[in-house]
N, C-alpha and C. Protein backbone atom coordinates (compact mmCIF):
# COMPACT_ATOMS: atom_id res chain seq x y z
N MET A 1 33.07 -42.36 -1.78
CA MET A 1 31.72 -42.11 -2.04
C MET A 1 31.57 -40.74 -2.90
N GLN A 2 30.94 -40.80 -4.02
CA GLN A 2 30.79 -39.69 -4.92
C GLN A 2 29.45 -39.14 -4.78
N SER A 3 29.36 -37.84 -4.79
CA SER A 3 28.04 -37.15 -4.74
C SER A 3 27.52 -36.96 -6.12
N SER A 4 26.38 -37.29 -6.36
CA SER A 4 25.74 -37.00 -7.67
C SER A 4 24.98 -35.70 -7.68
N THR A 5 24.97 -34.95 -6.54
CA THR A 5 24.27 -33.69 -6.45
C THR A 5 25.28 -32.62 -5.97
N LEU A 6 25.19 -31.51 -6.70
CA LEU A 6 25.98 -30.26 -6.41
C LEU A 6 25.03 -29.28 -5.57
N HIS A 7 25.38 -28.85 -4.56
CA HIS A 7 24.70 -27.69 -3.81
C HIS A 7 25.50 -26.44 -3.92
N LEU A 8 24.74 -25.44 -4.40
CA LEU A 8 25.33 -24.08 -4.48
C LEU A 8 24.75 -23.17 -3.50
N TYR A 9 25.45 -22.53 -2.73
CA TYR A 9 24.97 -21.60 -1.72
C TYR A 9 25.14 -20.17 -2.15
N LEU A 10 24.15 -19.44 -2.51
CA LEU A 10 24.30 -18.03 -2.92
C LEU A 10 23.30 -17.23 -2.03
N PRO A 11 23.71 -16.89 -0.79
CA PRO A 11 22.75 -16.28 0.14
C PRO A 11 22.09 -14.99 -0.37
N HIS A 12 22.88 -14.11 -1.15
CA HIS A 12 22.27 -12.87 -1.50
C HIS A 12 21.75 -12.87 -2.98
N ARG A 13 21.77 -13.99 -3.64
CA ARG A 13 21.38 -14.00 -5.00
C ARG A 13 19.87 -13.41 -5.21
N TYR A 14 19.03 -13.89 -4.39
CA TYR A 14 17.60 -13.43 -4.54
C TYR A 14 17.09 -12.45 -3.42
N THR A 15 17.84 -12.33 -2.44
CA THR A 15 17.29 -11.48 -1.31
C THR A 15 18.02 -10.10 -1.29
N SER A 16 19.17 -9.93 -1.80
CA SER A 16 19.78 -8.63 -1.54
C SER A 16 19.18 -7.47 -2.35
N ARG A 17 18.44 -7.80 -3.47
CA ARG A 17 17.75 -6.65 -4.15
C ARG A 17 16.37 -6.31 -3.52
N ALA A 18 15.84 -7.22 -2.72
CA ALA A 18 14.52 -6.86 -2.09
C ALA A 18 14.75 -5.73 -1.12
N ARG A 19 13.68 -4.95 -0.82
CA ARG A 19 13.75 -3.81 0.21
C ARG A 19 12.49 -3.81 1.00
N VAL A 20 12.78 -3.46 2.31
CA VAL A 20 11.74 -3.13 3.19
C VAL A 20 11.91 -1.68 3.64
N PHE A 21 10.99 -0.82 3.34
CA PHE A 21 10.99 0.67 3.78
C PHE A 21 10.24 0.76 5.09
N ARG A 22 10.80 0.60 6.15
CA ARG A 22 10.20 0.68 7.41
C ARG A 22 9.87 2.04 7.83
N ASP A 23 8.56 2.31 8.03
CA ASP A 23 8.02 3.63 8.39
C ASP A 23 8.66 4.75 7.49
N PHE A 24 8.56 4.59 6.19
CA PHE A 24 9.19 5.48 5.22
C PHE A 24 8.60 6.75 5.09
N ILE A 25 7.27 6.87 5.71
CA ILE A 25 6.58 8.17 5.67
C ILE A 25 5.64 8.15 6.80
N THR A 26 5.55 9.38 7.45
CA THR A 26 4.62 9.53 8.61
C THR A 26 3.78 10.67 8.35
N SER A 27 2.44 10.50 8.68
CA SER A 27 1.54 11.58 8.43
C SER A 27 1.67 12.75 9.34
N THR A 28 1.21 13.91 8.83
CA THR A 28 1.14 15.09 9.59
C THR A 28 -0.34 15.20 10.03
N PRO A 29 -0.65 15.90 11.22
CA PRO A 29 -2.00 15.92 11.57
C PRO A 29 -2.89 16.55 10.59
N ARG A 30 -4.12 16.02 10.47
CA ARG A 30 -5.14 16.66 9.52
C ARG A 30 -5.90 17.68 10.37
N ALA A 31 -6.18 18.72 9.76
CA ALA A 31 -6.87 19.78 10.35
C ALA A 31 -8.23 19.40 10.78
N PHE A 32 -8.80 20.09 11.84
CA PHE A 32 -10.25 19.71 12.13
C PHE A 32 -11.26 20.25 11.12
N ILE A 33 -12.10 19.48 10.73
CA ILE A 33 -12.98 19.86 9.70
C ILE A 33 -14.51 19.72 10.30
N LYS A 34 -15.21 20.73 10.37
CA LYS A 34 -16.57 20.42 10.87
C LYS A 34 -17.40 19.73 9.75
N MET A 35 -17.97 18.59 10.10
CA MET A 35 -18.75 17.91 9.19
C MET A 35 -19.58 16.96 9.85
N PRO A 36 -20.69 16.49 9.40
CA PRO A 36 -21.59 15.67 10.09
C PRO A 36 -20.90 14.21 10.19
N TRP A 37 -21.30 13.54 11.17
CA TRP A 37 -20.74 12.25 11.51
C TRP A 37 -21.08 11.13 10.56
N ASP A 38 -22.13 11.38 9.59
CA ASP A 38 -22.35 10.44 8.67
C ASP A 38 -21.50 10.47 7.40
N GLY A 39 -20.58 11.48 7.43
CA GLY A 39 -19.70 11.54 6.29
C GLY A 39 -18.34 10.73 6.53
N VAL A 40 -17.43 10.69 5.48
CA VAL A 40 -16.31 9.98 5.47
C VAL A 40 -15.12 11.03 5.09
N GLN A 41 -13.99 10.91 5.95
CA GLN A 41 -12.85 11.70 5.52
C GLN A 41 -11.82 10.72 4.92
N HIS A 42 -10.87 11.21 4.18
CA HIS A 42 -9.84 10.47 3.46
C HIS A 42 -8.50 11.04 3.50
N SER A 43 -7.47 10.21 3.61
CA SER A 43 -6.09 10.52 3.48
C SER A 43 -5.52 9.81 2.38
N HIS A 44 -4.67 10.38 1.50
CA HIS A 44 -4.20 9.63 0.30
C HIS A 44 -2.61 9.58 0.50
N ILE A 45 -2.07 8.38 0.30
CA ILE A 45 -0.67 8.23 0.29
C ILE A 45 -0.19 7.96 -1.12
N LYS A 46 0.21 9.01 -1.78
CA LYS A 46 0.62 8.86 -3.15
C LYS A 46 2.02 8.45 -3.26
N THR A 47 2.22 7.22 -3.81
CA THR A 47 3.54 6.72 -3.97
C THR A 47 4.24 7.11 -5.38
N ASN A 48 5.40 6.91 -5.55
CA ASN A 48 6.13 7.01 -6.75
C ASN A 48 6.12 5.79 -7.60
N ILE A 49 5.26 4.80 -7.38
CA ILE A 49 5.12 3.55 -8.16
C ILE A 49 4.31 3.94 -9.43
N PRO A 50 4.92 3.94 -10.52
CA PRO A 50 4.04 4.20 -11.80
C PRO A 50 3.17 3.03 -12.16
N THR A 51 1.96 3.36 -12.76
CA THR A 51 1.24 2.20 -13.30
C THR A 51 1.96 1.52 -14.40
N ARG A 52 1.79 0.38 -14.70
CA ARG A 52 2.49 -0.49 -15.65
C ARG A 52 3.85 -0.65 -15.53
N SER A 53 4.37 -0.60 -14.13
CA SER A 53 5.85 -0.73 -13.95
C SER A 53 6.26 -2.08 -13.49
N ASP A 54 5.38 -3.09 -13.45
CA ASP A 54 5.84 -4.35 -13.03
C ASP A 54 6.44 -4.44 -11.61
N ILE A 55 5.73 -3.81 -10.67
CA ILE A 55 6.20 -3.73 -9.33
C ILE A 55 5.20 -4.39 -8.40
N MET A 56 5.58 -5.45 -7.63
CA MET A 56 4.73 -6.00 -6.61
C MET A 56 5.16 -5.44 -5.21
N TYR A 57 4.03 -5.09 -4.41
CA TYR A 57 4.15 -4.41 -3.31
C TYR A 57 3.28 -4.84 -2.21
N ARG A 58 3.60 -4.46 -0.99
CA ARG A 58 2.78 -4.55 0.21
C ARG A 58 2.99 -3.31 1.00
N PHE A 59 1.95 -2.63 1.47
CA PHE A 59 1.98 -1.61 2.40
C PHE A 59 1.17 -1.86 3.67
N ILE A 60 1.92 -1.48 4.86
CA ILE A 60 1.24 -1.57 6.15
C ILE A 60 1.02 -0.14 6.61
N VAL A 61 -0.13 0.23 7.10
CA VAL A 61 -0.33 1.49 7.64
C VAL A 61 -0.75 1.22 9.13
N GLU A 62 -0.03 1.86 10.10
CA GLU A 62 -0.23 1.75 11.50
C GLU A 62 -0.27 3.09 12.23
N GLY A 63 -1.13 3.15 13.16
CA GLY A 63 -1.18 4.41 13.90
C GLY A 63 -2.33 4.49 14.84
N TYR A 64 -2.69 5.79 15.14
CA TYR A 64 -3.78 5.96 16.17
C TYR A 64 -4.71 7.09 15.57
N ASN A 65 -6.00 6.73 15.46
CA ASN A 65 -6.99 7.66 15.01
C ASN A 65 -7.68 8.48 16.23
N TYR A 66 -7.15 9.48 16.59
CA TYR A 66 -7.75 10.23 17.62
C TYR A 66 -9.33 10.64 17.37
N GLY A 67 -9.59 10.96 16.11
CA GLY A 67 -10.94 11.24 15.76
C GLY A 67 -11.96 10.20 15.98
N SER A 68 -11.53 8.99 16.08
CA SER A 68 -12.41 7.86 16.41
C SER A 68 -12.03 7.06 17.65
N ASN A 69 -10.84 7.58 18.25
CA ASN A 69 -10.29 6.89 19.50
C ASN A 69 -10.15 5.34 19.20
N SER A 70 -9.47 5.09 18.13
CA SER A 70 -9.12 3.69 17.76
C SER A 70 -7.85 3.51 17.05
N PRO A 71 -7.27 2.34 17.17
CA PRO A 71 -6.02 2.10 16.42
C PRO A 71 -6.20 1.98 14.90
N ILE A 72 -5.22 2.29 14.19
CA ILE A 72 -5.15 2.10 12.75
C ILE A 72 -4.16 1.00 12.47
N HIS A 73 -4.63 -0.14 11.84
CA HIS A 73 -3.69 -1.13 11.50
C HIS A 73 -4.35 -1.95 10.25
N SER A 74 -3.78 -1.54 9.15
CA SER A 74 -4.24 -2.14 7.87
C SER A 74 -3.09 -2.40 6.85
N ASP A 75 -3.32 -3.41 6.00
CA ASP A 75 -2.28 -3.60 4.91
C ASP A 75 -3.02 -3.84 3.62
N ILE A 76 -2.26 -3.74 2.54
CA ILE A 76 -2.84 -3.82 1.12
C ILE A 76 -1.68 -4.24 0.26
N ILE A 77 -1.94 -5.17 -0.74
CA ILE A 77 -0.95 -5.57 -1.58
C ILE A 77 -1.38 -5.23 -3.09
N GLY A 78 -0.45 -5.27 -4.02
CA GLY A 78 -0.75 -4.97 -5.32
C GLY A 78 0.31 -5.29 -6.29
N TYR A 79 -0.08 -5.23 -7.56
CA TYR A 79 0.95 -5.51 -8.66
C TYR A 79 0.69 -4.58 -9.79
N THR A 80 1.60 -3.68 -10.16
CA THR A 80 1.41 -2.81 -11.42
C THR A 80 1.90 -3.50 -12.59
N HIS A 81 1.10 -4.47 -13.11
CA HIS A 81 1.46 -5.20 -14.27
C HIS A 81 1.70 -4.31 -15.46
N ARG A 82 2.58 -4.60 -16.30
CA ARG A 82 2.92 -3.75 -17.55
C ARG A 82 1.79 -3.64 -18.46
N ARG A 83 0.86 -4.58 -18.48
CA ARG A 83 -0.31 -4.47 -19.43
C ARG A 83 -1.54 -4.02 -18.73
N TRP A 84 -1.61 -3.73 -17.45
CA TRP A 84 -2.79 -3.34 -16.73
C TRP A 84 -2.80 -1.88 -16.45
N ASN A 85 -3.93 -1.30 -16.44
CA ASN A 85 -4.09 0.17 -16.02
C ASN A 85 -4.93 0.27 -14.79
N LYS A 86 -5.29 -0.79 -14.22
CA LYS A 86 -6.26 -0.84 -13.00
C LYS A 86 -5.57 -1.61 -11.79
N LEU A 87 -5.89 -1.20 -10.66
CA LEU A 87 -5.62 -1.99 -9.46
C LEU A 87 -6.91 -2.56 -8.91
N GLY A 88 -6.77 -3.85 -8.30
CA GLY A 88 -7.93 -4.40 -7.68
C GLY A 88 -9.04 -4.82 -8.62
N ALA A 89 -8.68 -5.10 -9.84
CA ALA A 89 -9.74 -5.54 -10.79
C ALA A 89 -9.06 -6.71 -11.72
N MET A 90 -8.45 -7.66 -11.06
CA MET A 90 -7.73 -8.74 -11.89
C MET A 90 -8.73 -9.55 -12.66
N GLU A 91 -10.00 -9.72 -12.21
CA GLU A 91 -11.00 -10.31 -13.00
C GLU A 91 -11.16 -9.72 -14.32
N HIS A 92 -10.96 -8.47 -14.38
CA HIS A 92 -11.06 -7.81 -15.67
C HIS A 92 -10.01 -8.22 -16.61
N TYR A 93 -8.93 -8.80 -16.18
CA TYR A 93 -7.84 -9.24 -16.97
C TYR A 93 -7.79 -10.70 -17.03
N GLY A 94 -8.94 -11.40 -16.74
CA GLY A 94 -8.91 -12.91 -17.00
C GLY A 94 -8.71 -13.72 -15.66
N TRP A 95 -8.52 -13.13 -14.51
CA TRP A 95 -8.42 -13.88 -13.41
C TRP A 95 -9.80 -14.26 -12.74
N PRO A 96 -9.98 -15.29 -12.02
CA PRO A 96 -11.22 -15.71 -11.53
C PRO A 96 -11.98 -14.53 -10.72
N LEU A 97 -13.36 -14.57 -10.83
CA LEU A 97 -14.13 -13.59 -10.11
C LEU A 97 -13.84 -13.76 -8.56
N GLY A 98 -13.55 -12.61 -7.93
CA GLY A 98 -13.36 -12.49 -6.49
C GLY A 98 -11.87 -12.69 -6.18
N TRP A 99 -10.86 -12.75 -7.18
CA TRP A 99 -9.59 -12.85 -7.05
C TRP A 99 -8.96 -11.77 -6.12
N ASP A 100 -9.41 -10.64 -6.19
CA ASP A 100 -8.83 -9.42 -5.34
C ASP A 100 -9.40 -9.33 -3.97
N ILE A 101 -10.26 -10.18 -3.52
CA ILE A 101 -10.93 -9.91 -2.25
C ILE A 101 -9.97 -9.96 -1.09
N ASN A 102 -8.88 -10.73 -1.20
CA ASN A 102 -7.92 -10.76 -0.11
C ASN A 102 -6.66 -9.79 -0.18
N THR A 103 -6.84 -8.94 -1.04
CA THR A 103 -5.72 -7.92 -1.25
C THR A 103 -5.64 -6.83 -0.17
N ARG A 104 -6.58 -6.77 0.66
CA ARG A 104 -6.60 -5.70 1.64
C ARG A 104 -7.09 -6.15 2.95
N ASN A 105 -6.65 -5.74 4.13
CA ASN A 105 -7.00 -6.13 5.43
C ASN A 105 -7.08 -4.97 6.38
N ASP A 106 -8.13 -4.97 7.11
CA ASP A 106 -8.28 -3.84 8.21
C ASP A 106 -8.34 -4.59 9.53
N TYR A 107 -7.27 -4.67 10.17
CA TYR A 107 -7.15 -5.38 11.54
C TYR A 107 -7.74 -4.65 12.66
N ALA A 108 -7.95 -3.30 12.46
CA ALA A 108 -8.44 -2.57 13.64
C ALA A 108 -9.44 -1.53 13.02
N LYS A 109 -10.29 -0.87 13.91
CA LYS A 109 -11.46 -0.10 13.43
C LYS A 109 -11.09 1.29 13.17
N GLY A 110 -9.75 1.71 13.16
CA GLY A 110 -9.34 3.13 13.08
C GLY A 110 -9.44 3.65 11.65
N ALA A 111 -9.39 2.82 10.61
CA ALA A 111 -9.52 3.29 9.20
C ALA A 111 -9.74 2.14 8.32
N GLU A 112 -10.21 2.40 7.11
CA GLU A 112 -10.29 1.38 6.06
C GLU A 112 -9.40 1.75 5.02
N ILE A 113 -8.65 0.72 4.43
CA ILE A 113 -7.65 0.95 3.41
C ILE A 113 -8.19 0.57 2.00
N SER A 114 -7.80 1.21 0.99
CA SER A 114 -7.98 0.90 -0.37
C SER A 114 -6.77 1.51 -1.16
N GLN A 115 -6.96 1.19 -2.51
CA GLN A 115 -5.95 1.68 -3.43
C GLN A 115 -6.64 2.12 -4.78
N TYR A 116 -5.91 2.95 -5.51
CA TYR A 116 -6.27 3.35 -6.93
C TYR A 116 -5.06 3.91 -7.61
N ILE A 117 -5.33 4.21 -8.81
CA ILE A 117 -4.25 4.79 -9.64
C ILE A 117 -4.65 6.35 -9.78
N SER A 118 -3.67 7.19 -9.43
CA SER A 118 -3.98 8.67 -9.62
C SER A 118 -4.12 9.10 -11.09
N LYS A 119 -4.69 10.26 -11.23
CA LYS A 119 -4.93 10.72 -12.66
C LYS A 119 -3.67 10.91 -13.36
N ASP A 120 -2.51 11.10 -12.66
CA ASP A 120 -1.23 11.18 -13.36
C ASP A 120 -0.45 9.85 -13.41
N GLY A 121 -1.10 8.77 -12.91
CA GLY A 121 -0.52 7.42 -13.20
C GLY A 121 0.35 6.85 -12.14
N PHE A 122 0.05 7.07 -10.75
CA PHE A 122 0.84 6.49 -9.73
C PHE A 122 -0.17 5.85 -8.85
N VAL A 123 0.40 4.70 -8.01
CA VAL A 123 -0.31 4.01 -7.07
C VAL A 123 -0.52 4.92 -5.79
N VAL A 124 -1.82 5.06 -5.31
CA VAL A 124 -2.22 5.71 -4.22
C VAL A 124 -2.99 4.88 -3.22
N ILE A 125 -2.47 4.92 -2.04
CA ILE A 125 -3.19 4.22 -0.97
C ILE A 125 -4.03 5.15 -0.19
N LYS A 126 -5.30 4.72 -0.09
CA LYS A 126 -6.30 5.59 0.51
C LYS A 126 -6.77 5.09 1.89
N ILE A 127 -6.71 5.95 2.94
CA ILE A 127 -7.17 5.66 4.28
C ILE A 127 -8.50 6.40 4.48
N SER A 128 -9.53 5.81 4.90
CA SER A 128 -10.90 6.38 5.08
C SER A 128 -11.41 6.09 6.46
N ALA A 129 -12.07 6.96 7.00
CA ALA A 129 -12.72 6.86 8.36
C ALA A 129 -13.77 7.99 8.55
N LYS A 130 -14.69 7.78 9.50
CA LYS A 130 -15.63 8.83 9.72
C LYS A 130 -15.02 10.14 10.16
N SER A 131 -13.90 10.00 10.91
CA SER A 131 -13.12 11.20 11.32
C SER A 131 -11.70 10.81 11.25
N LEU A 132 -10.90 11.59 10.66
CA LEU A 132 -9.42 11.46 10.76
C LEU A 132 -8.77 12.68 11.43
N TYR A 133 -9.55 13.36 12.18
CA TYR A 133 -9.10 14.52 12.92
C TYR A 133 -7.95 14.02 13.88
N ASN A 134 -6.80 14.68 13.70
CA ASN A 134 -5.52 14.47 14.57
C ASN A 134 -5.08 13.03 14.45
N ALA A 135 -5.37 12.28 13.34
CA ALA A 135 -4.90 10.87 13.28
C ALA A 135 -3.50 10.94 12.91
N GLY A 136 -2.66 10.11 13.47
CA GLY A 136 -1.29 9.94 13.12
C GLY A 136 -1.01 8.50 12.75
N PHE A 137 -0.29 8.37 11.56
CA PHE A 137 0.14 7.01 11.15
C PHE A 137 1.31 7.01 10.37
N SER A 138 1.89 5.82 10.38
CA SER A 138 3.15 5.57 9.43
C SER A 138 2.96 4.51 8.49
N VAL A 139 3.73 4.49 7.43
CA VAL A 139 3.62 3.59 6.36
C VAL A 139 4.84 2.79 6.16
N THR A 140 4.79 1.39 6.09
CA THR A 140 5.91 0.61 5.76
C THR A 140 5.66 0.00 4.40
N GLY A 141 6.60 0.02 3.54
CA GLY A 141 6.53 -0.53 2.22
C GLY A 141 7.42 -1.78 2.01
N TYR A 142 6.92 -2.80 1.41
CA TYR A 142 7.70 -3.98 1.06
C TYR A 142 7.77 -4.16 -0.37
N LEU A 143 8.98 -4.30 -0.95
CA LEU A 143 9.17 -4.60 -2.33
C LEU A 143 10.05 -5.88 -2.26
N LEU A 144 9.45 -7.08 -2.06
CA LEU A 144 10.25 -8.18 -1.70
C LEU A 144 10.41 -9.21 -2.89
N ASN A 145 9.61 -8.97 -3.96
CA ASN A 145 9.78 -9.97 -5.00
C ASN A 145 11.10 -9.63 -5.87
N HIS A 146 12.03 -10.45 -5.89
CA HIS A 146 13.29 -10.11 -6.59
C HIS A 146 13.17 -9.76 -8.12
N ASP A 147 12.11 -10.16 -8.70
CA ASP A 147 11.94 -9.75 -10.14
C ASP A 147 11.01 -8.55 -10.32
N TYR A 148 10.18 -8.21 -9.44
CA TYR A 148 9.20 -7.24 -9.64
C TYR A 148 9.20 -6.08 -8.59
N GLY A 149 10.16 -5.31 -8.82
CA GLY A 149 10.20 -4.05 -7.82
C GLY A 149 11.47 -3.93 -7.06
N ALA A 150 12.26 -5.02 -6.93
CA ALA A 150 13.44 -4.85 -6.15
C ALA A 150 14.36 -3.86 -6.86
N ASP A 151 15.13 -3.19 -6.16
CA ASP A 151 16.00 -2.11 -6.67
C ASP A 151 15.15 -0.65 -6.76
N PHE A 152 13.94 -0.74 -6.75
CA PHE A 152 13.20 0.46 -6.76
C PHE A 152 13.18 1.16 -5.37
N ILE A 153 13.40 2.46 -5.46
CA ILE A 153 13.49 3.31 -4.28
C ILE A 153 12.05 3.95 -3.97
N LEU A 154 11.51 3.62 -2.99
CA LEU A 154 10.04 3.97 -2.76
C LEU A 154 10.02 5.24 -1.94
N THR A 155 9.22 6.25 -2.43
CA THR A 155 8.91 7.51 -1.74
C THR A 155 7.29 7.67 -1.88
N ALA A 156 6.90 8.66 -1.04
CA ALA A 156 5.43 8.91 -1.06
C ALA A 156 5.19 10.29 -0.55
N THR A 157 3.99 10.85 -0.72
CA THR A 157 3.49 12.09 -0.18
C THR A 157 2.10 11.82 0.31
N ILE A 158 1.78 12.37 1.39
CA ILE A 158 0.37 12.34 2.04
C ILE A 158 -0.38 13.49 1.84
N TYR A 159 -1.56 13.18 1.26
CA TYR A 159 -2.54 14.36 1.01
C TYR A 159 -3.73 14.12 1.92
N HIS A 160 -4.21 15.18 2.67
CA HIS A 160 -5.34 15.11 3.52
C HIS A 160 -6.46 15.92 2.81
N ASN A 161 -7.09 15.29 1.88
CA ASN A 161 -8.23 15.81 1.26
C ASN A 161 -9.32 14.73 0.86
N ASP A 162 -10.37 14.97 0.56
CA ASP A 162 -11.46 13.98 0.49
C ASP A 162 -11.85 13.69 -1.05
N THR A 163 -11.08 14.18 -2.05
CA THR A 163 -11.23 13.90 -3.33
C THR A 163 -10.00 13.06 -3.86
N ASN A 164 -10.23 12.11 -4.75
CA ASN A 164 -9.12 11.29 -5.24
C ASN A 164 -8.21 12.17 -6.03
N LEU A 165 -6.90 11.85 -6.01
CA LEU A 165 -5.88 12.55 -6.71
C LEU A 165 -5.79 12.30 -8.23
């Protein structure tokens, strides 16, 4: 009996370049800031992912927000397409209206997650809450698409200020 099909097994062909950066950065405590409870505080996780770099990513932020006595558990995805200079606005580039609605999830009430491009052109993940006093969190990054971001070494810096970078 002859086989008319050839099966080729290459276990690392598509997965070896993909990376998971588990807890690759952990926040330092934010100092106490006297402010009214109707305000919002922000922490910014500035990555080294440049705009227009063709990198697809997922970030998970997990921790404890002492300032609101609640857990932090959020994730966000994105793609820095080589022709785009915005994140979370794919309908601007011809995708259907509402395409980006599922790019972010807040599974707990400790913080809300969003993203933007910094003034100097890097992906920034923003965590917002009524209070981030003494909040602690870590960030895990996924660069799992073998064509868009694999081989990239992910780093970040956390800024505790209320204005965008």
